[in-house]
């Protein structure tokens, strides 16, 4: 299928498990193979967009009442990552040979599971504390801070908290803030670990996506 298509399909599947790990790998590959900057940037955008359906699954399982409020910002953010990614890919569809991505993190690894469990517990405890101390502002601060490292734990925490008194709109905005922060980190990785051109391809769509997503979530 060629390297370009391989990158595209790998990104789709990796976004369902660890889009951050894929971003790190593709950024390193872009630095080694600058002729494929556009293809690796496309992969990062696709993986970042594919993260959002996973969030909807969490909400569907834990608190379906969040879905009507979350579906629109998530859809907008996904589309604003996918569309530029497809445009970049189609304009730069040359084929070249590079090593295929091997993501080093096994989601079933015991150590990773323990770390995730600790992170989830800490976020739940901090969430209750910050909610009582700072109100919604505390939740948003926690979401932004947690999103730097991980989206899953804060999404699960806010979804559970929405079952126990946290306002739906606060939970939705918090989830969107966390995903926006996480994608900002990925754009930084693409620029710093990769190279300037890869970063330029990635930063614009990510900024547009997070701005639009936050606006939709806020106006609902």
N, C-alpha and C. Protein backbone atom coordinates (compact mmCIF):
# COMPACT_ATOMS: atom_id res chain seq x y z
N UNK A 1 0.82 -1.20 0.00
CA UNK A 1 0.00 0.00 0.00
C UNK A 1 0.85 1.25 0.00
N UNK A 2 2.16 1.09 0.26
CA UNK A 2 3.04 2.24 0.27
C UNK A 2 3.13 2.86 1.65
N UNK A 3 4.21 3.59 1.86
CA UNK A 3 4.44 4.17 3.17
C UNK A 3 3.36 5.16 3.56
N UNK A 4 2.90 6.00 2.62
CA UNK A 4 1.90 7.01 2.94
C UNK A 4 0.62 6.39 3.48
N UNK A 5 0.13 5.35 2.79
CA UNK A 5 -1.09 4.69 3.25
C UNK A 5 -0.85 3.94 4.55
N UNK A 6 0.35 3.38 4.69
CA UNK A 6 0.68 2.69 5.94
C UNK A 6 0.64 3.64 7.12
N UNK A 7 1.17 4.84 6.93
CA UNK A 7 1.14 5.86 7.97
C UNK A 7 -0.30 6.23 8.31
N UNK A 8 -1.13 6.38 7.28
CA UNK A 8 -2.52 6.77 7.47
C UNK A 8 -3.28 5.74 8.28
N UNK A 9 -3.18 4.47 7.90
CA UNK A 9 -3.93 3.43 8.59
C UNK A 9 -3.39 3.19 10.00
N UNK A 10 -2.08 3.26 10.16
CA UNK A 10 -1.49 3.12 11.49
C UNK A 10 -2.01 4.21 12.42
N UNK A 11 -2.15 5.41 11.91
CA UNK A 11 -2.62 6.53 12.72
C UNK A 11 -4.06 6.33 13.18
N UNK A 12 -4.88 5.81 12.30
CA UNK A 12 -6.28 5.56 12.65
C UNK A 12 -6.39 4.60 13.83
N UNK A 13 -5.63 3.52 13.77
CA UNK A 13 -5.71 2.51 14.83
C UNK A 13 -4.99 2.98 16.09
N UNK A 14 -3.86 3.67 15.94
CA UNK A 14 -3.10 4.12 17.11
C UNK A 14 -3.87 5.16 17.91
N UNK A 15 -4.69 5.95 17.23
CA UNK A 15 -5.47 6.95 17.93
C UNK A 15 -6.46 6.37 18.91
N UNK A 16 -6.81 5.10 18.72
CA UNK A 16 -7.73 4.44 19.64
C UNK A 16 -7.03 3.92 20.88
N UNK A 17 -5.70 3.88 20.86
CA UNK A 17 -4.96 3.35 22.01
C UNK A 17 -4.03 4.40 22.60
N UNK A 18 -3.06 4.88 21.82
CA UNK A 18 -2.10 5.85 22.35
C UNK A 18 -1.64 6.80 21.26
N UNK A 19 -2.42 7.86 21.06
CA UNK A 19 -2.04 8.85 20.05
C UNK A 19 -0.79 9.61 20.46
N UNK A 20 -0.53 9.70 21.77
CA UNK A 20 0.68 10.39 22.23
C UNK A 20 1.93 9.60 21.87
N UNK A 21 1.88 8.27 22.06
CA UNK A 21 3.02 7.43 21.69
C UNK A 21 3.29 7.51 20.19
N UNK A 22 2.21 7.53 19.40
CA UNK A 22 2.38 7.63 17.96
C UNK A 22 2.97 8.99 17.58
N UNK A 23 2.51 10.05 18.23
CA UNK A 23 3.05 11.38 17.95
C UNK A 23 4.54 11.44 18.23
N UNK A 24 4.97 10.86 19.33
CA UNK A 24 6.38 10.82 19.67
C UNK A 24 7.18 10.08 18.61
N UNK A 25 6.67 8.92 18.19
CA UNK A 25 7.38 8.11 17.19
C UNK A 25 7.44 8.83 15.84
N UNK A 26 6.30 9.37 15.40
CA UNK A 26 6.26 10.05 14.10
C UNK A 26 7.11 11.32 14.10
N UNK A 27 7.18 12.00 15.24
CA UNK A 27 8.03 13.20 15.32
C UNK A 27 9.49 12.82 15.14
N UNK A 28 9.89 11.73 15.77
CA UNK A 28 11.27 11.26 15.60
C UNK A 28 11.53 10.82 14.17
N UNK A 29 10.56 10.15 13.56
CA UNK A 29 10.70 9.72 12.17
C UNK A 29 10.80 10.92 11.23
N UNK A 30 10.01 11.95 11.52
CA UNK A 30 10.04 13.15 10.67
C UNK A 30 11.41 13.81 10.71
N UNK A 31 12.04 13.79 11.87
CA UNK A 31 13.37 14.38 12.00
C UNK A 31 14.38 13.59 11.17
N UNK A 32 14.22 12.25 11.14
CA UNK A 32 15.13 11.40 10.37
C UNK A 32 14.82 11.43 8.88
N UNK A 33 13.56 11.62 8.53
CA UNK A 33 13.12 11.56 7.13
C UNK A 33 12.33 12.83 6.78
N UNK A 34 12.98 13.98 6.68
CA UNK A 34 12.27 15.24 6.44
C UNK A 34 11.49 15.28 5.13
N UNK A 35 11.84 14.41 4.19
CA UNK A 35 11.07 14.37 2.94
C UNK A 35 9.64 13.91 3.17
N UNK A 36 9.41 13.27 4.31
CA UNK A 36 8.06 12.77 4.64
C UNK A 36 7.41 13.57 5.77
N UNK A 37 7.82 14.82 5.92
CA UNK A 37 7.21 15.67 6.95
C UNK A 37 5.69 15.69 6.87
N UNK A 38 5.18 15.88 5.67
CA UNK A 38 3.73 16.00 5.48
C UNK A 38 3.01 14.72 5.86
N UNK A 39 3.58 13.57 5.48
CA UNK A 39 2.94 12.30 5.80
C UNK A 39 2.89 12.04 7.30
N UNK A 40 4.00 12.33 7.98
CA UNK A 40 4.01 12.11 9.43
C UNK A 40 3.11 13.11 10.15
N UNK A 41 3.06 14.35 9.66
CA UNK A 41 2.15 15.33 10.23
C UNK A 41 0.70 14.89 10.05
N UNK A 42 0.40 14.34 8.87
CA UNK A 42 -0.93 13.80 8.63
C UNK A 42 -1.27 12.72 9.64
N UNK A 43 -0.32 11.83 9.88
CA UNK A 43 -0.53 10.76 10.85
C UNK A 43 -0.81 11.29 12.24
N UNK A 44 -0.09 12.31 12.65
CA UNK A 44 -0.29 12.90 13.98
C UNK A 44 -1.69 13.51 14.08
N UNK A 45 -2.12 14.21 13.04
CA UNK A 45 -3.45 14.82 13.05
C UNK A 45 -4.55 13.76 13.07
N UNK A 46 -4.39 12.71 12.28
CA UNK A 46 -5.39 11.64 12.25
C UNK A 46 -5.49 10.96 13.61
N UNK A 47 -4.35 10.63 14.20
CA UNK A 47 -4.35 9.98 15.52
C UNK A 47 -4.97 10.88 16.58
N UNK A 48 -4.66 12.17 16.51
CA UNK A 48 -5.22 13.12 17.48
C UNK A 48 -6.73 13.23 17.34
N UNK A 49 -7.22 13.14 16.10
CA UNK A 49 -8.66 13.18 15.88
C UNK A 49 -9.36 11.90 16.29
N UNK A 50 -8.68 10.77 16.11
CA UNK A 50 -9.26 9.47 16.45
C UNK A 50 -9.38 9.28 17.95
N UNK A 51 -8.69 10.11 18.72
CA UNK A 51 -8.80 10.06 20.18
C UNK A 51 -10.23 10.37 20.64
N UNK A 52 -10.95 11.20 19.92
CA UNK A 52 -12.25 11.67 20.37
C UNK A 52 -13.34 10.59 20.41
N UNK A 53 -13.44 9.70 19.42
CA UNK A 53 -14.43 8.62 19.55
C UNK A 53 -14.24 7.78 20.80
N UNK A 54 -12.99 7.61 21.24
CA UNK A 54 -12.73 6.86 22.47
C UNK A 54 -13.37 7.56 23.67
N UNK A 55 -13.33 8.88 23.66
CA UNK A 55 -13.93 9.65 24.74
C UNK A 55 -15.45 9.47 24.76
N UNK A 56 -16.05 9.43 23.59
CA UNK A 56 -17.49 9.22 23.51
C UNK A 56 -17.88 7.85 24.04
N UNK A 57 -17.04 6.86 23.82
CA UNK A 57 -17.31 5.51 24.34
C UNK A 57 -17.32 5.53 25.87
N UNK A 58 -16.35 6.22 26.47
CA UNK A 58 -16.33 6.33 27.94
C UNK A 58 -17.64 6.93 28.46
N UNK A 59 -18.07 8.00 27.82
CA UNK A 59 -19.29 8.67 28.26
C UNK A 59 -20.51 7.78 28.05
N UNK A 60 -20.53 7.04 26.95
CA UNK A 60 -21.65 6.14 26.67
C UNK A 60 -21.77 5.08 27.76
N UNK A 61 -20.64 4.58 28.22
CA UNK A 61 -20.64 3.51 29.21
C UNK A 61 -20.96 4.04 30.61
N UNK A 62 -20.42 5.20 30.97
CA UNK A 62 -20.51 5.68 32.36
C UNK A 62 -21.69 6.62 32.58
N UNK A 63 -21.91 7.55 31.66
CA UNK A 63 -23.01 8.51 31.82
C UNK A 63 -23.47 9.00 30.45
N UNK A 64 -24.46 8.35 29.92
CA UNK A 64 -24.94 8.67 28.57
C UNK A 64 -25.56 10.07 28.48
N UNK A 65 -25.94 10.63 29.62
CA UNK A 65 -26.56 11.95 29.59
C UNK A 65 -25.58 13.03 29.13
N UNK A 66 -24.28 12.73 29.18
CA UNK A 66 -23.28 13.69 28.70
C UNK A 66 -23.22 13.76 27.18
N UNK A 67 -23.62 12.70 26.51
CA UNK A 67 -23.43 12.60 25.07
C UNK A 67 -24.06 13.74 24.27
N UNK A 68 -25.32 14.13 24.54
CA UNK A 68 -25.91 15.21 23.73
C UNK A 68 -25.10 16.51 23.80
N UNK A 69 -24.50 16.80 24.96
CA UNK A 69 -23.72 18.03 25.09
C UNK A 69 -22.30 17.88 24.56
N UNK A 70 -21.78 16.65 24.58
CA UNK A 70 -20.39 16.42 24.18
C UNK A 70 -20.24 16.14 22.70
N UNK A 71 -21.29 15.63 22.07
CA UNK A 71 -21.17 15.15 20.69
C UNK A 71 -20.79 16.27 19.72
N UNK A 72 -21.33 17.49 19.93
CA UNK A 72 -21.05 18.56 18.97
C UNK A 72 -19.64 19.11 19.06
N UNK A 73 -19.14 19.46 20.25
CA UNK A 73 -17.74 19.90 20.29
C UNK A 73 -16.76 18.83 19.83
N UNK A 74 -17.04 17.58 20.18
CA UNK A 74 -16.16 16.48 19.77
C UNK A 74 -16.19 16.30 18.26
N UNK A 75 -17.38 16.39 17.66
CA UNK A 75 -17.50 16.24 16.21
C UNK A 75 -16.76 17.36 15.49
N UNK A 76 -16.92 18.59 15.98
CA UNK A 76 -16.25 19.74 15.37
C UNK A 76 -14.73 19.59 15.46
N UNK A 77 -14.24 19.21 16.63
CA UNK A 77 -12.79 19.07 16.82
C UNK A 77 -12.22 17.96 15.96
N UNK A 78 -12.96 16.85 15.86
CA UNK A 78 -12.50 15.73 15.02
C UNK A 78 -12.44 16.15 13.56
N UNK A 79 -13.50 16.79 13.08
CA UNK A 79 -13.55 17.20 11.67
C UNK A 79 -12.43 18.19 11.33
N UNK A 80 -12.14 19.10 12.25
CA UNK A 80 -11.12 20.12 11.99
C UNK A 80 -9.70 19.57 12.09
N UNK A 81 -9.56 18.32 12.51
CA UNK A 81 -8.27 17.64 12.43
C UNK A 81 -8.22 16.72 11.22
N UNK A 82 -9.33 16.03 10.94
CA UNK A 82 -9.36 15.09 9.82
C UNK A 82 -9.26 15.79 8.47
N UNK A 83 -10.03 16.86 8.30
CA UNK A 83 -10.08 17.52 6.98
C UNK A 83 -8.71 18.07 6.58
N UNK A 84 -8.02 18.85 7.42
CA UNK A 84 -6.67 19.30 7.04
C UNK A 84 -5.71 18.13 6.82
N UNK A 85 -5.86 17.08 7.63
CA UNK A 85 -4.98 15.91 7.48
C UNK A 85 -5.14 15.28 6.10
N UNK A 86 -6.39 15.14 5.66
CA UNK A 86 -6.65 14.54 4.35
C UNK A 86 -6.12 15.44 3.23
N UNK A 87 -6.31 16.76 3.38
CA UNK A 87 -5.80 17.69 2.37
C UNK A 87 -4.28 17.61 2.28
N UNK A 88 -3.60 17.62 3.42
CA UNK A 88 -2.13 17.53 3.43
C UNK A 88 -1.68 16.22 2.82
N UNK A 89 -2.35 15.14 3.16
CA UNK A 89 -1.97 13.81 2.66
C UNK A 89 -2.13 13.73 1.14
N UNK A 90 -3.25 14.24 0.62
CA UNK A 90 -3.50 14.16 -0.82
C UNK A 90 -2.52 15.02 -1.61
N UNK A 91 -2.08 16.11 -1.03
CA UNK A 91 -1.13 16.99 -1.73
C UNK A 91 0.31 16.48 -1.65
N UNK A 92 0.56 15.54 -0.77
CA UNK A 92 1.92 15.03 -0.57
C UNK A 92 1.90 13.52 -0.51
N UNK A 93 1.41 12.90 -1.56
CA UNK A 93 1.18 11.45 -1.53
C UNK A 93 2.31 10.64 -2.14
N UNK A 94 3.53 11.21 -2.17
CA UNK A 94 4.64 10.44 -2.70
C UNK A 94 4.96 9.28 -1.76
N UNK A 95 5.59 8.25 -2.30
CA UNK A 95 5.92 7.06 -1.52
C UNK A 95 7.41 6.99 -1.27
N UNK A 96 7.77 6.66 -0.06
CA UNK A 96 9.16 6.45 0.31
C UNK A 96 9.21 5.38 1.37
N UNK A 97 10.34 4.75 1.52
CA UNK A 97 10.45 3.66 2.47
C UNK A 97 11.07 4.14 3.78
N UNK A 98 10.32 3.98 4.87
CA UNK A 98 10.83 4.21 6.21
C UNK A 98 10.33 3.08 7.08
N UNK A 99 10.96 2.90 8.24
CA UNK A 99 10.53 1.82 9.12
C UNK A 99 9.12 2.10 9.62
N UNK A 100 8.32 1.04 9.73
CA UNK A 100 6.95 1.20 10.18
C UNK A 100 6.91 1.42 11.69
N UNK A 101 5.91 2.17 12.18
CA UNK A 101 5.84 2.50 13.59
C UNK A 101 5.67 1.27 14.46
N UNK A 102 6.40 1.23 15.55
CA UNK A 102 6.22 0.21 16.57
C UNK A 102 5.98 0.95 17.88
N UNK A 103 4.76 0.91 18.36
CA UNK A 103 4.42 1.64 19.58
C UNK A 103 4.85 0.82 20.78
N UNK A 104 5.67 1.42 21.62
CA UNK A 104 6.30 0.67 22.69
C UNK A 104 5.42 0.40 23.90
N UNK A 105 4.26 1.05 24.02
CA UNK A 105 3.47 0.90 25.23
C UNK A 105 2.36 -0.10 25.03
N UNK A 106 2.33 -1.13 25.87
CA UNK A 106 1.27 -2.12 25.86
C UNK A 106 0.20 -1.69 26.85
N UNK A 107 -1.04 -1.40 26.39
CA UNK A 107 -2.07 -0.92 27.30
C UNK A 107 -2.43 -1.93 28.38
N UNK A 108 -2.08 -3.21 28.19
CA UNK A 108 -2.38 -4.23 29.17
C UNK A 108 -1.22 -4.49 30.12
N UNK A 109 -0.12 -3.77 29.95
CA UNK A 109 1.05 -3.93 30.80
C UNK A 109 0.68 -3.58 32.25
N UNK A 110 1.11 -4.43 33.21
CA UNK A 110 0.72 -4.27 34.60
C UNK A 110 1.18 -2.93 35.16
N UNK A 111 2.42 -2.55 34.87
CA UNK A 111 2.95 -1.28 35.38
C UNK A 111 2.13 -0.11 34.87
N UNK A 112 1.81 -0.12 33.57
CA UNK A 112 1.00 0.96 32.99
C UNK A 112 -0.38 1.01 33.63
N UNK A 113 -0.96 -0.17 33.87
CA UNK A 113 -2.28 -0.23 34.49
C UNK A 113 -2.26 0.32 35.91
N UNK A 114 -1.20 0.01 36.67
CA UNK A 114 -1.09 0.51 38.03
C UNK A 114 -0.92 2.03 38.05
N UNK A 115 -0.07 2.53 37.16
CA UNK A 115 0.13 3.98 37.07
C UNK A 115 -1.17 4.68 36.72
N UNK A 116 -1.91 4.10 35.77
CA UNK A 116 -3.19 4.69 35.36
C UNK A 116 -4.17 4.68 36.53
N UNK A 117 -4.20 3.57 37.28
CA UNK A 117 -5.10 3.49 38.43
C UNK A 117 -4.78 4.53 39.49
N UNK A 118 -3.50 4.73 39.77
CA UNK A 118 -3.09 5.76 40.73
C UNK A 118 -3.47 7.14 40.23
N UNK A 119 -3.21 7.40 38.94
CA UNK A 119 -3.54 8.70 38.35
C UNK A 119 -5.04 8.97 38.43
N UNK A 120 -5.84 7.95 38.13
CA UNK A 120 -7.29 8.09 38.17
C UNK A 120 -7.76 8.41 39.58
N UNK A 121 -7.21 7.71 40.58
CA UNK A 121 -7.59 7.95 41.97
C UNK A 121 -7.22 9.36 42.42
N UNK A 122 -6.01 9.79 42.07
CA UNK A 122 -5.56 11.13 42.44
C UNK A 122 -6.45 12.20 41.83
N UNK A 123 -6.80 12.02 40.55
CA UNK A 123 -7.64 13.01 39.88
C UNK A 123 -9.03 13.06 40.50
N UNK A 124 -9.58 11.90 40.85
CA UNK A 124 -10.90 11.88 41.49
C UNK A 124 -10.87 12.63 42.83
N UNK A 125 -9.83 12.39 43.63
CA UNK A 125 -9.71 13.06 44.92
C UNK A 125 -9.50 14.57 44.74
N UNK A 126 -8.61 14.93 43.82
CA UNK A 126 -8.36 16.35 43.56
C UNK A 126 -9.60 17.03 43.00
N UNK A 127 -10.35 16.29 42.18
CA UNK A 127 -11.55 16.86 41.58
C UNK A 127 -12.55 17.29 42.63
N UNK A 128 -12.79 16.42 43.61
CA UNK A 128 -13.72 16.77 44.69
C UNK A 128 -13.21 17.96 45.50
N UNK A 129 -11.91 17.94 45.80
CA UNK A 129 -11.32 19.02 46.59
C UNK A 129 -11.39 20.36 45.86
N UNK A 130 -10.98 20.36 44.59
CA UNK A 130 -10.96 21.61 43.83
C UNK A 130 -12.36 22.12 43.54
N UNK A 131 -13.30 21.20 43.36
CA UNK A 131 -14.69 21.61 43.13
C UNK A 131 -15.22 22.35 44.35
N UNK A 132 -14.92 21.84 45.55
CA UNK A 132 -15.39 22.49 46.78
C UNK A 132 -14.64 23.79 47.05
N UNK A 133 -13.38 23.84 46.66
CA UNK A 133 -12.54 25.01 46.98
C UNK A 133 -12.69 26.13 45.96
N UNK A 134 -12.60 25.78 44.67
CA UNK A 134 -12.58 26.80 43.61
C UNK A 134 -13.77 26.73 42.66
N UNK A 135 -14.67 25.78 42.87
CA UNK A 135 -15.82 25.66 41.99
C UNK A 135 -15.42 25.15 40.61
N UNK A 136 -16.13 25.62 39.59
CA UNK A 136 -15.86 25.17 38.22
C UNK A 136 -14.44 25.51 37.78
N UNK A 137 -13.91 26.64 38.25
CA UNK A 137 -12.54 27.03 37.88
C UNK A 137 -11.54 25.97 38.30
N UNK A 138 -11.74 25.38 39.46
CA UNK A 138 -10.85 24.32 39.93
C UNK A 138 -10.90 23.10 39.03
N UNK A 139 -12.11 22.76 38.57
CA UNK A 139 -12.27 21.63 37.65
C UNK A 139 -11.54 21.90 36.35
N UNK A 140 -11.67 23.11 35.83
CA UNK A 140 -11.01 23.44 34.56
C UNK A 140 -9.49 23.43 34.71
N UNK A 141 -9.00 23.90 35.85
CA UNK A 141 -7.56 23.87 36.10
C UNK A 141 -7.05 22.43 36.16
N UNK A 142 -7.80 21.57 36.84
CA UNK A 142 -7.43 20.15 36.93
C UNK A 142 -7.45 19.51 35.55
N UNK A 143 -8.46 19.84 34.74
CA UNK A 143 -8.56 19.26 33.40
C UNK A 143 -7.37 19.66 32.54
N UNK A 144 -7.01 20.94 32.60
CA UNK A 144 -5.88 21.42 31.79
C UNK A 144 -4.58 20.77 32.23
N UNK A 145 -4.38 20.65 33.55
CA UNK A 145 -3.14 20.05 34.06
C UNK A 145 -3.07 18.56 33.74
N UNK A 146 -4.18 17.86 33.94
CA UNK A 146 -4.21 16.41 33.68
C UNK A 146 -4.04 16.11 32.20
N UNK A 147 -4.60 16.97 31.35
CA UNK A 147 -4.54 16.74 29.91
C UNK A 147 -3.15 16.79 29.34
N UNK A 148 -2.21 17.38 30.07
CA UNK A 148 -0.83 17.43 29.60
C UNK A 148 -0.28 16.02 29.41
N UNK A 149 -0.62 15.13 30.36
CA UNK A 149 -0.06 13.78 30.34
C UNK A 149 -1.02 12.74 29.80
N UNK A 150 -2.32 12.90 30.08
CA UNK A 150 -3.27 11.82 29.76
C UNK A 150 -4.68 12.38 29.65
N UNK A 151 -5.44 11.85 28.71
CA UNK A 151 -6.82 12.27 28.53
C UNK A 151 -7.79 11.29 29.17
N UNK A 152 -7.44 10.02 29.16
CA UNK A 152 -8.36 8.98 29.63
C UNK A 152 -8.74 9.16 31.09
N UNK A 153 -7.75 9.37 31.96
CA UNK A 153 -8.03 9.44 33.40
C UNK A 153 -8.94 10.61 33.74
N UNK A 154 -8.67 11.79 33.20
CA UNK A 154 -9.50 12.95 33.51
C UNK A 154 -10.89 12.80 32.89
N UNK A 155 -10.99 12.19 31.71
CA UNK A 155 -12.30 11.96 31.09
C UNK A 155 -13.14 11.04 31.95
N UNK A 156 -12.55 9.93 32.40
CA UNK A 156 -13.27 9.00 33.26
C UNK A 156 -13.67 9.67 34.57
N UNK A 157 -12.78 10.47 35.13
CA UNK A 157 -13.05 11.15 36.40
C UNK A 157 -14.22 12.13 36.27
N UNK A 158 -14.18 12.97 35.25
CA UNK A 158 -15.24 13.96 35.08
C UNK A 158 -16.57 13.30 34.73
N UNK A 159 -16.50 12.22 33.97
CA UNK A 159 -17.73 11.50 33.63
C UNK A 159 -18.36 10.90 34.89
N UNK A 160 -17.54 10.33 35.75
CA UNK A 160 -18.05 9.79 37.02
C UNK A 160 -18.57 10.89 37.93
N UNK A 161 -17.85 12.00 37.99
CA UNK A 161 -18.28 13.12 38.84
C UNK A 161 -19.61 13.70 38.36
N UNK A 162 -19.88 13.62 37.06
CA UNK A 162 -21.15 14.12 36.53
C UNK A 162 -22.32 13.27 36.99
N UNK A 163 -22.02 12.05 37.46
CA UNK A 163 -23.05 11.19 38.05
C UNK A 163 -23.28 11.52 39.52
N UNK A 164 -22.42 12.38 40.08
CA UNK A 164 -22.47 12.65 41.52
C UNK A 164 -22.47 14.14 41.83
N UNK A 165 -23.19 14.90 41.03
CA UNK A 165 -23.39 16.30 41.37
C UNK A 165 -22.68 17.32 40.51
N UNK A 166 -21.65 16.92 39.76
CA UNK A 166 -20.97 17.88 38.88
C UNK A 166 -21.87 18.23 37.71
N UNK A 167 -22.02 19.53 37.45
CA UNK A 167 -22.89 19.97 36.36
C UNK A 167 -22.43 19.41 35.02
N UNK A 168 -23.38 19.06 34.18
CA UNK A 168 -23.06 18.46 32.88
C UNK A 168 -22.20 19.38 32.04
N UNK A 169 -22.56 20.67 31.99
CA UNK A 169 -21.79 21.58 31.15
C UNK A 169 -20.37 21.76 31.67
N UNK A 170 -20.18 21.69 32.98
CA UNK A 170 -18.83 21.78 33.55
C UNK A 170 -18.01 20.56 33.16
N UNK A 171 -18.63 19.39 33.22
CA UNK A 171 -17.93 18.16 32.83
C UNK A 171 -17.53 18.20 31.36
N UNK A 172 -18.45 18.65 30.51
CA UNK A 172 -18.18 18.71 29.07
C UNK A 172 -17.04 19.68 28.77
N UNK A 173 -17.11 20.88 29.34
CA UNK A 173 -16.05 21.87 29.10
C UNK A 173 -14.72 21.35 29.64
N UNK A 174 -14.74 20.69 30.79
CA UNK A 174 -13.52 20.12 31.34
C UNK A 174 -12.90 19.08 30.44
N UNK A 175 -13.73 18.21 29.87
CA UNK A 175 -13.23 17.17 28.96
C UNK A 175 -12.63 17.81 27.71
N UNK A 176 -13.31 18.82 27.17
CA UNK A 176 -12.80 19.51 25.98
C UNK A 176 -11.48 20.21 26.30
N UNK A 177 -11.38 20.83 27.47
CA UNK A 177 -10.12 21.49 27.86
C UNK A 177 -8.99 20.47 27.95
N UNK A 178 -9.27 19.31 28.53
CA UNK A 178 -8.24 18.27 28.67
C UNK A 178 -7.76 17.78 27.31
N UNK A 179 -8.69 17.55 26.39
CA UNK A 179 -8.29 17.08 25.06
C UNK A 179 -7.54 18.16 24.30
N UNK A 180 -7.97 19.42 24.47
CA UNK A 180 -7.28 20.52 23.81
C UNK A 180 -5.85 20.65 24.31
N UNK A 181 -5.67 20.54 25.63
CA UNK A 181 -4.33 20.61 26.21
C UNK A 181 -3.46 19.48 25.71
N UNK A 182 -4.03 18.28 25.67
CA UNK A 182 -3.27 17.11 25.22
C UNK A 182 -2.82 17.26 23.77
N UNK A 183 -3.71 17.78 22.93
CA UNK A 183 -3.33 17.98 21.53
C UNK A 183 -2.32 19.11 21.37
N UNK A 184 -2.37 20.11 22.24
CA UNK A 184 -1.35 21.16 22.21
C UNK A 184 0.03 20.58 22.53
N UNK A 185 0.06 19.67 23.49
CA UNK A 185 1.32 19.00 23.83
C UNK A 185 1.85 18.23 22.62
N UNK A 186 0.95 17.58 21.90
CA UNK A 186 1.37 16.82 20.71
C UNK A 186 1.92 17.75 19.63
N UNK A 187 1.32 18.92 19.48
CA UNK A 187 1.84 19.85 18.48
C UNK A 187 3.23 20.33 18.88
N UNK A 188 3.44 20.52 20.18
CA UNK A 188 4.78 20.88 20.66
C UNK A 188 5.79 19.78 20.40
N UNK A 189 5.38 18.53 20.59
CA UNK A 189 6.25 17.40 20.31
C UNK A 189 6.63 17.36 18.84
N UNK A 190 5.64 17.61 17.97
CA UNK A 190 5.91 17.58 16.53
C UNK A 190 6.93 18.65 16.15
N UNK A 191 6.85 19.80 16.79
CA UNK A 191 7.75 20.91 16.46
C UNK A 191 9.14 20.71 17.06
N UNK A 192 9.19 20.35 18.34
CA UNK A 192 10.47 20.28 19.06
C UNK A 192 11.21 18.98 18.79
N UNK A 193 10.51 17.85 18.88
CA UNK A 193 11.16 16.56 18.67
C UNK A 193 11.30 16.27 17.18
N UNK A 194 10.31 16.72 16.41
CA UNK A 194 10.38 16.54 14.96
C UNK A 194 11.18 17.65 14.32
N UNK A 195 10.50 18.51 13.58
CA UNK A 195 11.17 19.66 12.98
C UNK A 195 10.14 20.76 12.72
N UNK A 196 10.62 21.90 12.31
CA UNK A 196 9.76 23.07 12.16
C UNK A 196 8.64 22.82 11.15
N UNK A 197 8.94 22.18 10.03
CA UNK A 197 7.93 21.97 9.00
C UNK A 197 6.82 21.05 9.48
N UNK A 198 7.19 19.98 10.16
CA UNK A 198 6.17 19.08 10.72
C UNK A 198 5.32 19.84 11.72
N UNK A 199 5.97 20.65 12.56
CA UNK A 199 5.23 21.44 13.53
C UNK A 199 4.26 22.41 12.88
N UNK A 200 4.68 23.04 11.79
CA UNK A 200 3.80 23.98 11.09
C UNK A 200 2.57 23.27 10.53
N UNK A 201 2.76 22.08 9.99
CA UNK A 201 1.63 21.31 9.48
C UNK A 201 0.63 20.98 10.59
N UNK A 202 1.14 20.71 11.79
CA UNK A 202 0.31 20.20 12.88
C UNK A 202 -0.33 21.33 13.70
N UNK A 203 0.42 22.39 13.98
CA UNK A 203 -0.03 23.41 14.93
C UNK A 203 -1.30 24.11 14.47
N UNK A 204 -1.37 24.52 13.20
CA UNK A 204 -2.53 25.25 12.70
C UNK A 204 -3.84 24.51 12.90
N UNK A 205 -3.97 23.28 12.37
CA UNK A 205 -5.21 22.52 12.57
C UNK A 205 -5.54 22.27 14.04
N UNK A 206 -4.52 22.01 14.86
CA UNK A 206 -4.79 21.74 16.27
C UNK A 206 -5.31 23.00 16.98
N UNK A 207 -4.72 24.15 16.70
CA UNK A 207 -5.20 25.40 17.30
C UNK A 207 -6.63 25.71 16.85
N UNK A 208 -6.90 25.52 15.57
CA UNK A 208 -8.25 25.75 15.05
C UNK A 208 -9.24 24.79 15.69
N UNK A 209 -8.85 23.53 15.81
CA UNK A 209 -9.71 22.51 16.38
C UNK A 209 -10.05 22.81 17.84
N UNK A 210 -9.04 23.12 18.63
CA UNK A 210 -9.30 23.35 20.06
C UNK A 210 -10.09 24.63 20.28
N UNK A 211 -9.81 25.66 19.49
CA UNK A 211 -10.56 26.90 19.62
C UNK A 211 -12.03 26.71 19.30
N UNK A 212 -12.30 26.01 18.21
CA UNK A 212 -13.69 25.76 17.80
C UNK A 212 -14.40 24.86 18.80
N UNK A 213 -13.70 23.83 19.28
CA UNK A 213 -14.30 22.91 20.24
C UNK A 213 -14.67 23.60 21.54
N UNK A 214 -13.76 24.43 22.05
CA UNK A 214 -14.04 25.17 23.28
C UNK A 214 -15.20 26.15 23.09
N UNK A 215 -15.25 26.79 21.92
CA UNK A 215 -16.32 27.75 21.65
C UNK A 215 -17.68 27.05 21.62
N UNK A 216 -17.75 25.92 20.92
CA UNK A 216 -19.01 25.17 20.84
C UNK A 216 -19.44 24.69 22.22
N UNK A 217 -18.48 24.16 22.99
CA UNK A 217 -18.80 23.67 24.34
C UNK A 217 -19.29 24.80 25.23
N UNK A 218 -18.67 25.96 25.10
CA UNK A 218 -19.02 27.10 25.95
C UNK A 218 -20.39 27.68 25.60
N UNK A 219 -20.74 27.67 24.31
CA UNK A 219 -21.98 28.30 23.86
C UNK A 219 -23.21 27.41 24.02
N UNK A 220 -23.00 26.14 24.27
CA UNK A 220 -24.14 25.23 24.37
C UNK A 220 -25.00 25.55 25.60
